[in-house]
Amino acid sequence: MATIYYTGASLDGFIATPDHDLSWLVTRALDPAGPMHYEAFAAGVGALVMGASTYQWLLDHLDEVGGAWPYEQPTWVLTHREFGEPPGRVTFTDAPVTEVHRAAREAAGEGTIWLVGGGDLVGQFFDARLLDEVWVQLAPVTLGAGHPLLPRRVELELLEVARNRDFACVRYAVATDGGG
């Protein structure tokens, strides 16, 4: 029922290197049964929304997730790019995020809408007042440059903090009163 940005980030606030590499994210220990881990989060996901760069990265790394599209849920890819035949239940669109959110909400039923990334896409959902929570697994690494977690100011309210092996995991609600 919520729209959640669930992601990993470097300690200095980047979700990917300048060339969209994410390999740094899997170099440290994370407990699959630990707090705020992906498997428990994914169990409640009813629909996904992602940007074209995230989609392309997933396509380029399918061999690392068993060779097949890893999501059964309906997925919207916001893009102006031309891609080939989509895998699974993927829909390419350049529609406004309000329309995409409406379709994803209907498809998700009681499930969560997962904003997979990137930061600019999530910022568009925030701008349209459609972002409810931000969950970040902070990796113990700095990148120095790259694609930011969120490329705009967003006020958040801390809901939860946990340690999952090498990661600091935080969960925030989007502040409705400007923070404080």
Protein backbone atom coordinates (compact mmCIF):
# COMPACT_ATOMS: atom_id res chain seq x y z
CA MET A 1 0.00 0.00 0.00
CA ALA A 2 3.00 2.27 0.46
CA THR A 3 5.32 3.54 -2.24
CA ILE A 4 8.86 2.82 -1.04
CA TYR A 5 12.32 3.62 -2.34
CA TYR A 6 14.35 0.62 -1.17
CA THR A 7 18.02 0.76 -2.12
CA GLY A 8 21.63 0.44 -1.14
CA ALA A 9 23.94 3.44 -0.97
CA SER A 10 27.56 4.20 -0.26
CA LEU A 11 28.40 6.00 2.94
CA ASP A 12 28.88 9.19 0.93
CA GLY A 13 25.39 8.97 -0.58
CA PHE A 14 25.76 7.37 -4.01
CA ILE A 15 23.69 4.49 -5.42
CA ALA A 16 26.05 3.80 -8.33
CA THR A 17 29.42 4.87 -9.67
CA PRO A 18 29.57 7.44 -12.50
CA ASP A 19 29.48 4.55 -15.02
CA HIS A 20 26.46 2.91 -13.27
CA ASP A 21 28.51 0.15 -11.62
CA LEU A 22 27.02 -1.50 -8.51
CA SER A 23 29.68 -4.14 -7.85
CA TRP A 24 30.84 -2.29 -4.72
CA LEU A 25 27.46 -3.05 -3.14
CA VAL A 26 28.05 -6.80 -2.93
CA THR A 27 31.58 -6.73 -1.52
CA ARG A 28 30.46 -6.74 2.12
CA ALA A 29 28.49 -9.15 4.30
CA LEU A 30 24.71 -8.86 4.56
CA ASP A 31 22.53 -11.41 6.38
CA PRO A 32 19.55 -12.56 4.25
CA ALA A 33 17.61 -13.23 7.46
CA GLY A 34 18.76 -9.98 9.07
CA PRO A 35 16.85 -6.75 9.64
CA MET A 36 15.56 -4.80 6.65
CA HIS A 37 17.00 -7.35 4.21
CA TYR A 38 15.75 -7.56 0.64
CA GLU A 39 14.03 -10.96 0.87
CA ALA A 40 11.61 -9.88 3.61
CA PHE A 41 10.98 -6.55 1.87
CA ALA A 42 10.43 -8.18 -1.55
CA ALA A 43 7.82 -10.56 -0.14
CA GLY A 44 5.42 -7.61 0.22
CA VAL A 45 6.10 -5.99 -3.15
CA GLY A 46 3.16 -5.94 -5.56
CA ALA A 47 4.62 -3.78 -8.35
CA LEU A 48 7.94 -2.22 -9.34
CA VAL A 49 8.92 1.03 -11.03
CA MET A 50 12.43 1.73 -12.28
CA GLY A 51 14.36 4.00 -14.59
CA ALA A 52 16.01 2.99 -17.85
CA SER A 53 19.56 2.88 -16.44
CA THR A 54 18.49 0.55 -13.62
CA TYR A 55 16.64 -1.64 -16.13
CA GLN A 56 19.68 -1.77 -18.43
CA TRP A 57 21.95 -2.67 -15.50
CA LEU A 58 19.61 -5.54 -14.59
CA LEU A 59 19.59 -6.79 -18.19
CA ASP A 60 23.38 -6.63 -18.29
CA HIS A 61 23.64 -8.70 -15.08
CA LEU A 62 20.93 -11.33 -15.57
CA ASP A 63 23.57 -14.07 -15.50
CA GLU A 64 24.25 -13.11 -11.86
CA VAL A 65 20.60 -13.76 -10.90
CA GLY A 66 20.12 -17.09 -12.67
CA GLY A 67 19.82 -15.82 -16.25
CA ALA A 68 16.13 -14.90 -16.13
CA TRP A 69 14.22 -11.74 -15.29
CA PRO A 70 14.16 -11.79 -11.47
CA TYR A 71 10.70 -10.28 -10.85
CA GLU A 72 7.26 -11.84 -11.20
CA GLN A 73 5.50 -8.59 -10.28
CA PRO A 74 4.35 -6.13 -12.92
CA THR A 75 7.18 -3.67 -13.61
CA TRP A 76 7.15 -0.26 -15.24
CA VAL A 77 10.32 1.14 -16.80
CA LEU A 78 10.22 4.89 -17.29
CA THR A 79 12.19 5.56 -20.43
CA HIS A 80 12.50 7.36 -23.73
CA ARG A 81 14.99 4.73 -24.93
CA GLU A 82 14.23 1.93 -27.34
CA PHE A 83 14.63 -1.53 -25.83
CA GLY A 84 13.91 -4.92 -27.36
CA GLU A 85 11.12 -7.25 -26.33
CA PRO A 86 10.66 -6.87 -22.56
CA PRO A 87 11.07 -9.85 -20.24
CA GLY A 88 8.38 -10.91 -17.79
CA ARG A 89 5.65 -8.41 -17.02
CA VAL A 90 7.64 -5.31 -17.99
CA THR A 91 5.98 -2.24 -19.50
CA PHE A 92 8.00 0.56 -21.06
CA THR A 93 6.49 4.01 -20.69
CA ASP A 94 7.24 7.69 -20.89
CA ALA A 95 3.99 8.61 -19.11
CA PRO A 96 4.03 11.04 -16.17
CA VAL A 97 4.80 9.42 -12.81
CA THR A 98 1.24 10.16 -11.64
CA GLU A 99 -0.15 7.88 -14.37
CA VAL A 100 2.49 5.21 -13.76
CA HIS A 101 1.78 5.30 -10.02
CA ARG A 102 -1.94 4.90 -10.63
CA ALA A 103 -1.36 1.82 -12.82
CA ALA A 104 1.19 0.35 -10.39
CA ARG A 105 -1.15 0.94 -7.43
CA GLU A 106 -3.93 -0.92 -9.22
CA ALA A 107 -1.62 -3.81 -10.14
CA ALA A 108 -0.02 -4.00 -6.68
CA GLY A 109 -3.29 -4.56 -4.85
CA GLU A 110 -2.42 -4.69 -1.15
CA GLY A 111 1.30 -4.89 -1.95
CA THR A 112 3.98 -2.24 -1.84
CA ILE A 113 5.11 -0.28 -4.88
CA TRP A 114 8.90 -0.56 -4.96
CA LEU A 115 10.72 2.33 -6.59
CA VAL A 116 13.84 0.44 -7.59
CA GLY A 117 15.81 3.45 -8.82
CA GLY A 118 17.40 5.62 -9.78
CA GLY A 119 17.45 8.69 -7.64
CA ASP A 120 16.01 11.05 -10.26
CA LEU A 121 13.03 8.77 -10.85
CA VAL A 122 12.40 8.64 -7.09
CA GLY A 123 12.72 12.42 -6.96
CA GLN A 124 9.94 12.70 -9.55
CA PHE A 125 7.68 10.56 -7.35
CA PHE A 126 8.60 12.76 -4.39
CA ASP A 127 7.79 15.91 -6.37
CA ALA A 128 4.37 14.45 -7.20
CA ARG A 129 3.84 13.65 -3.47
CA LEU A 130 3.74 9.91 -4.21
CA LEU A 131 6.73 8.75 -2.15
CA ASP A 132 5.93 7.37 1.32
CA GLU A 133 9.16 5.84 2.64
CA VAL A 134 12.88 5.57 1.94
CA TRP A 135 14.78 2.46 3.06
CA VAL A 136 18.56 2.57 2.67
CA GLN A 137 21.19 -0.07 3.36
CA LEU A 138 24.36 1.97 3.85
CA ALA A 139 27.43 0.09 2.66
CA PRO A 140 30.73 0.68 4.45
CA VAL A 141 32.37 2.14 1.35
CA THR A 142 32.78 5.60 -0.13
CA LEU A 143 32.74 6.18 -3.89
CA GLY A 144 33.71 9.85 -4.10
CA ALA A 145 31.42 10.40 -7.09
CA GLY A 146 28.50 8.81 -8.84
CA HIS A 147 24.72 8.85 -8.97
CA PRO A 148 23.24 10.35 -5.79
CA LEU A 149 20.72 8.62 -3.57
CA LEU A 150 18.29 11.51 -4.22
CA PRO A 151 19.28 14.51 -6.35
CA ARG A 152 17.07 16.97 -4.47
CA ARG A 153 16.23 18.03 -0.96
CA VAL A 154 13.82 15.64 0.75
CA GLU A 155 12.88 15.97 4.42
CA LEU A 156 12.55 12.62 6.18
CA GLU A 157 11.47 11.28 9.57
CA LEU A 158 13.52 8.43 11.04
CA LEU A 159 11.38 5.33 11.66
CA GLU A 160 13.92 2.55 12.21
CA VAL A 161 17.65 1.88 12.45
CA ALA A 162 19.27 -1.55 12.45
CA ARG A 163 22.59 -3.24 11.82
CA ASN A 164 22.74 -6.04 9.29
CA ARG A 165 26.30 -7.34 9.48
CA ASP A 166 28.43 -4.72 7.70
CA PHE A 167 25.50 -2.47 6.75
CA ALA A 168 23.70 0.27 8.64
CA CYS A 169 20.05 0.00 7.64
CA VAL A 170 17.72 2.95 7.98
CA ARG A 171 14.04 3.41 7.27
CA TYR A 172 12.46 6.84 6.90
CA ALA A 173 9.00 8.24 6.26
CA VAL A 174 8.74 11.23 3.98
CA ALA A 175 8.10 14.21 6.27
CA THR A 176 4.78 15.87 5.68
CA ASP A 177 5.49 18.88 7.88
CA GLY A 178 8.89 19.91 6.55
CA GLY A 179 10.78 17.83 9.11
CA GLY A 180 11.60 18.59 12.62
